[in-house]
N, C-alpha and C. Protein backbone atom coordinates (compact mmCIF):
# COMPACT_ATOMS: atom_id res chain seq x y z
N UNK A 1 0.84 -1.17 0.00
CA UNK A 1 0.00 0.00 0.00
C UNK A 1 0.89 1.24 0.00
N UNK A 2 0.57 2.19 -0.81
CA UNK A 2 1.37 3.40 -0.93
C UNK A 2 0.94 4.40 0.14
N UNK A 3 1.90 5.04 0.74
CA UNK A 3 1.62 6.00 1.81
C UNK A 3 1.06 7.29 1.23
N UNK A 4 0.13 7.90 1.95
CA UNK A 4 -0.42 9.18 1.54
C UNK A 4 0.45 10.33 2.02
N UNK A 5 1.39 10.06 2.89
CA UNK A 5 2.29 11.09 3.38
C UNK A 5 3.48 11.21 2.43
N UNK A 6 3.87 12.43 2.14
CA UNK A 6 5.04 12.63 1.27
C UNK A 6 6.10 13.36 2.06
N UNK A 7 7.32 13.20 1.64
CA UNK A 7 8.44 13.82 2.32
C UNK A 7 9.49 14.23 1.30
N UNK A 8 10.20 15.31 1.61
CA UNK A 8 11.28 15.74 0.73
C UNK A 8 12.61 15.19 1.20
N UNK A 9 12.61 14.41 2.28
CA UNK A 9 13.84 13.82 2.80
C UNK A 9 14.32 12.74 1.85
N UNK A 10 15.59 12.81 1.44
CA UNK A 10 16.10 11.85 0.46
C UNK A 10 17.09 10.87 1.07
N UNK A 11 17.38 10.99 2.36
CA UNK A 11 18.32 10.08 3.02
C UNK A 11 17.63 8.76 3.34
N UNK A 12 18.32 7.93 4.09
CA UNK A 12 17.73 6.66 4.50
C UNK A 12 17.19 6.78 5.91
N UNK A 13 16.06 6.19 6.16
CA UNK A 13 15.47 6.21 7.48
C UNK A 13 15.97 5.02 8.29
N UNK A 14 16.16 5.17 9.59
CA UNK A 14 16.57 4.02 10.40
C UNK A 14 15.44 3.00 10.44
N UNK A 15 15.74 1.73 10.21
CA UNK A 15 14.73 0.68 10.20
C UNK A 15 14.56 0.04 11.57
N UNK A 16 15.39 0.39 12.52
CA UNK A 16 15.28 -0.22 13.84
C UNK A 16 15.35 0.86 14.91
N UNK A 17 14.82 0.53 16.07
CA UNK A 17 14.92 1.45 17.20
C UNK A 17 16.37 1.64 17.59
N UNK A 18 17.14 0.56 17.53
CA UNK A 18 18.57 0.66 17.86
C UNK A 18 19.27 1.60 16.88
N UNK A 19 18.91 1.53 15.61
CA UNK A 19 19.51 2.41 14.61
C UNK A 19 19.12 3.86 14.85
N UNK A 20 17.88 4.08 15.25
CA UNK A 20 17.42 5.42 15.55
C UNK A 20 18.19 5.99 16.73
N UNK A 21 18.34 5.19 17.79
CA UNK A 21 19.07 5.65 18.97
C UNK A 21 20.54 5.85 18.66
N UNK A 22 21.13 4.94 17.89
CA UNK A 22 22.54 5.07 17.53
C UNK A 22 22.75 6.33 16.71
N UNK A 23 21.86 6.58 15.75
CA UNK A 23 21.98 7.78 14.94
C UNK A 23 21.82 9.04 15.77
N UNK A 24 20.90 9.02 16.74
CA UNK A 24 20.70 10.18 17.59
C UNK A 24 21.92 10.44 18.47
N UNK A 25 22.53 9.37 18.96
CA UNK A 25 23.72 9.54 19.80
C UNK A 25 24.91 10.04 19.00
N UNK A 26 24.99 9.63 17.74
CA UNK A 26 26.10 10.05 16.89
C UNK A 26 25.82 11.35 16.17
N UNK A 27 24.63 11.91 16.33
CA UNK A 27 24.28 13.14 15.64
C UNK A 27 23.88 12.91 14.19
N UNK A 28 23.62 11.68 13.80
CA UNK A 28 23.26 11.36 12.43
C UNK A 28 21.86 10.77 12.39
N UNK A 29 20.95 11.33 11.56
CA UNK A 29 19.61 10.77 11.49
C UNK A 29 19.51 9.57 10.56
N UNK A 30 20.63 9.10 10.01
CA UNK A 30 20.57 8.05 9.00
C UNK A 30 21.11 6.73 9.48
N UNK A 31 21.13 6.47 10.80
CA UNK A 31 21.60 5.18 11.30
C UNK A 31 20.69 4.06 10.85
N UNK A 32 21.24 2.89 10.60
CA UNK A 32 20.42 1.77 10.13
C UNK A 32 20.24 0.72 11.19
N UNK A 33 21.02 0.71 12.22
CA UNK A 33 20.92 -0.30 13.25
C UNK A 33 21.62 -1.59 12.89
N UNK A 34 22.23 -1.64 11.70
CA UNK A 34 22.91 -2.86 11.27
C UNK A 34 24.14 -3.15 12.11
N UNK A 35 24.68 -2.11 12.75
CA UNK A 35 25.88 -2.31 13.55
C UNK A 35 25.58 -2.93 14.91
N UNK A 36 24.32 -3.08 15.25
CA UNK A 36 23.94 -3.66 16.54
C UNK A 36 23.35 -5.04 16.29
N UNK A 37 24.01 -6.11 16.75
CA UNK A 37 23.49 -7.45 16.51
C UNK A 37 22.17 -7.68 17.22
N UNK A 38 21.28 -8.39 16.56
CA UNK A 38 19.99 -8.73 17.15
C UNK A 38 18.95 -7.64 17.06
N UNK A 39 19.26 -6.53 16.35
CA UNK A 39 18.29 -5.45 16.23
C UNK A 39 17.17 -5.88 15.28
N UNK A 40 15.94 -5.60 15.68
CA UNK A 40 14.80 -5.98 14.84
C UNK A 40 14.23 -4.75 14.17
N UNK A 41 13.91 -4.83 12.87
CA UNK A 41 13.37 -3.66 12.17
C UNK A 41 11.93 -3.39 12.55
N UNK A 42 11.50 -2.12 12.36
CA UNK A 42 10.10 -1.80 12.55
C UNK A 42 9.29 -2.53 11.48
N UNK A 43 8.10 -3.03 11.81
CA UNK A 43 7.28 -3.67 10.79
C UNK A 43 6.74 -2.63 9.81
N UNK A 44 6.49 -3.01 8.55
CA UNK A 44 5.94 -2.05 7.58
C UNK A 44 4.59 -1.54 8.07
N UNK A 45 4.36 -0.24 7.93
CA UNK A 45 3.10 0.36 8.36
C UNK A 45 3.01 0.60 9.85
N UNK A 46 4.13 0.50 10.56
CA UNK A 46 4.11 0.70 12.01
C UNK A 46 3.77 2.16 12.31
N UNK A 47 3.13 2.38 13.44
CA UNK A 47 2.77 3.74 13.84
C UNK A 47 4.02 4.51 14.21
N UNK A 48 4.18 5.67 13.60
CA UNK A 48 5.34 6.52 13.87
C UNK A 48 4.80 7.90 14.19
N UNK A 49 5.14 8.43 15.35
CA UNK A 49 4.72 9.77 15.73
C UNK A 49 3.21 9.91 15.87
N UNK A 50 2.50 8.85 16.19
CA UNK A 50 1.07 8.94 16.38
C UNK A 50 0.26 8.69 15.12
N UNK A 51 0.92 8.50 13.99
CA UNK A 51 0.22 8.27 12.73
C UNK A 51 0.75 7.01 12.08
N UNK A 52 -0.11 6.29 11.40
CA UNK A 52 0.31 5.12 10.66
C UNK A 52 0.90 5.57 9.34
N UNK A 53 2.03 4.99 8.95
CA UNK A 53 2.65 5.37 7.69
C UNK A 53 1.78 4.98 6.50
N UNK A 54 0.99 3.96 6.63
CA UNK A 54 0.15 3.51 5.52
C UNK A 54 -1.22 4.15 5.63
N UNK A 55 -1.44 5.25 4.97
CA UNK A 55 -2.76 5.87 4.93
C UNK A 55 -2.96 7.00 5.91
N UNK A 56 -2.00 7.35 6.71
CA UNK A 56 -2.08 8.46 7.67
C UNK A 56 -3.31 8.34 8.56
N UNK A 57 -3.52 7.17 9.14
CA UNK A 57 -4.64 6.93 10.05
C UNK A 57 -4.13 7.09 11.48
N UNK A 58 -4.82 7.88 12.32
CA UNK A 58 -4.35 8.02 13.70
C UNK A 58 -4.37 6.68 14.42
N UNK A 59 -3.36 6.46 15.26
CA UNK A 59 -3.30 5.20 15.99
C UNK A 59 -4.30 5.23 17.13
N UNK A 60 -4.71 4.05 17.58
CA UNK A 60 -5.66 3.96 18.68
C UNK A 60 -4.97 4.27 20.00
N UNK A 61 -5.74 4.78 20.93
CA UNK A 61 -5.20 5.11 22.25
C UNK A 61 -4.85 3.83 22.98
N UNK A 62 -3.75 3.86 23.67
CA UNK A 62 -3.32 2.71 24.46
C UNK A 62 -4.09 2.64 25.77
N UNK A 63 -3.90 1.58 26.53
CA UNK A 63 -4.64 1.42 27.78
C UNK A 63 -4.26 2.44 28.85
N UNK A 64 -3.09 3.07 28.74
CA UNK A 64 -2.66 4.02 29.76
C UNK A 64 -2.88 5.47 29.34
N UNK A 65 -3.38 5.71 28.12
CA UNK A 65 -3.62 7.08 27.69
C UNK A 65 -4.71 7.70 28.56
N UNK A 66 -4.50 8.91 29.04
CA UNK A 66 -5.44 9.58 29.91
C UNK A 66 -5.19 9.36 31.38
N UNK A 67 -4.25 8.49 31.73
CA UNK A 67 -3.98 8.22 33.14
C UNK A 67 -3.42 9.45 33.83
N UNK A 68 -2.60 10.23 33.15
CA UNK A 68 -2.02 11.41 33.78
C UNK A 68 -3.12 12.39 34.18
N UNK A 69 -4.12 12.57 33.33
CA UNK A 69 -5.23 13.47 33.63
C UNK A 69 -5.99 12.98 34.86
N UNK A 70 -6.24 11.70 34.94
CA UNK A 70 -6.94 11.13 36.09
C UNK A 70 -6.13 11.31 37.37
N UNK A 71 -4.84 11.07 37.28
CA UNK A 71 -3.98 11.23 38.46
C UNK A 71 -3.96 12.68 38.92
N UNK A 72 -3.91 13.64 37.98
CA UNK A 72 -3.94 15.05 38.36
C UNK A 72 -5.27 15.40 39.02
N UNK A 73 -6.36 14.86 38.51
CA UNK A 73 -7.68 15.15 39.09
C UNK A 73 -7.77 14.61 40.51
N UNK A 74 -7.29 13.39 40.73
CA UNK A 74 -7.33 12.81 42.07
C UNK A 74 -6.45 13.61 43.03
N UNK A 75 -5.27 14.01 42.58
CA UNK A 75 -4.37 14.80 43.42
C UNK A 75 -4.98 16.16 43.74
N UNK A 76 -5.67 16.76 42.79
CA UNK A 76 -6.30 18.07 43.02
C UNK A 76 -7.42 17.96 44.04
N UNK A 77 -8.24 16.92 43.94
CA UNK A 77 -9.32 16.72 44.92
C UNK A 77 -8.74 16.46 46.31
N UNK A 78 -7.68 15.66 46.37
CA UNK A 78 -7.04 15.39 47.67
C UNK A 78 -6.45 16.67 48.26
N UNK A 79 -5.82 17.50 47.43
CA UNK A 79 -5.24 18.75 47.92
C UNK A 79 -6.33 19.70 48.42
N UNK A 80 -7.45 19.75 47.72
CA UNK A 80 -8.56 20.61 48.16
C UNK A 80 -9.12 20.12 49.49
N UNK A 81 -9.24 18.81 49.66
CA UNK A 81 -9.70 18.26 50.93
C UNK A 81 -8.74 18.56 52.06
N UNK A 82 -7.45 18.43 51.80
CA UNK A 82 -6.43 18.73 52.81
C UNK A 82 -6.46 20.21 53.17
N UNK A 83 -6.65 21.08 52.18
CA UNK A 83 -6.72 22.52 52.45
C UNK A 83 -7.93 22.84 53.32
N UNK A 84 -9.06 22.19 53.04
CA UNK A 84 -10.25 22.40 53.87
C UNK A 84 -10.02 21.96 55.31
N UNK A 85 -9.34 20.82 55.48
CA UNK A 85 -9.03 20.33 56.82
C UNK A 85 -8.11 21.31 57.56
N UNK A 86 -7.13 21.86 56.86
CA UNK A 86 -6.23 22.84 57.49
C UNK A 86 -6.97 24.10 57.90
N UNK A 87 -7.92 24.54 57.09
CA UNK A 87 -8.70 25.73 57.45
C UNK A 87 -9.48 25.48 58.73
N UNK A 88 -10.09 24.31 58.84
CA UNK A 88 -10.86 23.98 60.05
C UNK A 88 -9.94 23.93 61.26
N UNK A 89 -8.77 23.32 61.12
CA UNK A 89 -7.83 23.21 62.24
C UNK A 89 -7.30 24.58 62.64
N UNK A 90 -6.94 25.41 61.66
CA UNK A 90 -6.35 26.71 61.98
C UNK A 90 -7.36 27.70 62.55
N UNK A 91 -8.65 27.47 62.36
CA UNK A 91 -9.67 28.36 62.93
C UNK A 91 -9.95 28.06 64.40
N UNK A 92 -9.45 26.96 64.91
CA UNK A 92 -9.71 26.64 66.31
C UNK A 92 -8.94 27.61 67.21
N UNK A 93 -9.49 27.88 68.38
CA UNK A 93 -8.91 28.86 69.31
C UNK A 93 -7.55 28.41 69.82
N UNK A 94 -7.38 27.11 70.07
CA UNK A 94 -6.11 26.62 70.60
C UNK A 94 -4.97 26.83 69.60
N UNK A 95 -5.22 26.46 68.37
CA UNK A 95 -4.18 26.58 67.34
C UNK A 95 -3.90 28.05 67.05
N UNK A 96 -4.94 28.87 67.03
CA UNK A 96 -4.75 30.29 66.78
C UNK A 96 -3.89 30.92 67.88
N UNK A 97 -4.15 30.57 69.13
CA UNK A 97 -3.34 31.08 70.24
C UNK A 97 -1.90 30.58 70.16
N UNK A 98 -1.72 29.31 69.79
CA UNK A 98 -0.38 28.75 69.66
C UNK A 98 0.41 29.47 68.56
N UNK A 99 -0.22 29.70 67.42
CA UNK A 99 0.46 30.38 66.31
C UNK A 99 0.75 31.84 66.65
N UNK A 100 -0.19 32.50 67.33
CA UNK A 100 0.04 33.90 67.73
C UNK A 100 1.22 33.99 68.69
N UNK A 101 1.29 33.08 69.65
CA UNK A 101 2.42 33.07 70.58
C UNK A 101 3.73 32.78 69.87
N UNK A 102 3.71 31.89 68.89
CA UNK A 102 4.91 31.56 68.13
C UNK A 102 5.41 32.77 67.34
N UNK A 103 4.49 33.49 66.71
CA UNK A 103 4.88 34.67 65.92
C UNK A 103 5.40 35.77 66.84
N UNK A 104 4.75 35.98 67.98
CA UNK A 104 5.21 37.02 68.91
C UNK A 104 6.59 36.71 69.47
N UNK A 105 6.84 35.44 69.80
CA UNK A 105 8.17 35.09 70.32
C UNK A 105 9.23 35.21 69.23
N UNK A 106 8.87 34.95 68.00
CA UNK A 106 9.84 35.09 66.90
C UNK A 106 10.15 36.56 66.64
N UNK A 107 9.17 37.44 66.80
CA UNK A 107 9.39 38.86 66.54
C UNK A 107 10.13 39.55 67.68
N UNK A 108 10.09 39.00 68.89
CA UNK A 108 10.77 39.63 70.02
C UNK A 108 12.23 39.22 70.13
N UNK A 109 12.69 38.29 69.31
CA UNK A 109 14.10 37.87 69.38
C UNK A 109 14.97 38.92 68.89
């Protein structure tokens, strides 16, 4: 199947992940990975950069996509709950007196 994506790049693309990494480490984008024994090439039509080379079809989301958003939401709710708890604690007369005494003793030094 012919790709719908076109490129003006005329060099050779690395066919393996090892070749890509080797080329990046050497400053050359044209590594082939042949110098690394046991390197396996990417299969034809493999998803590269979020798009399939054959037909420019977006790849499907993996099972972990969106987890960062969920984790941020849970952390935000937990932080809001903790802030509410601190407000309740700091409004009590005992804690307010303790903090006032601490600030006064720090300012009199």
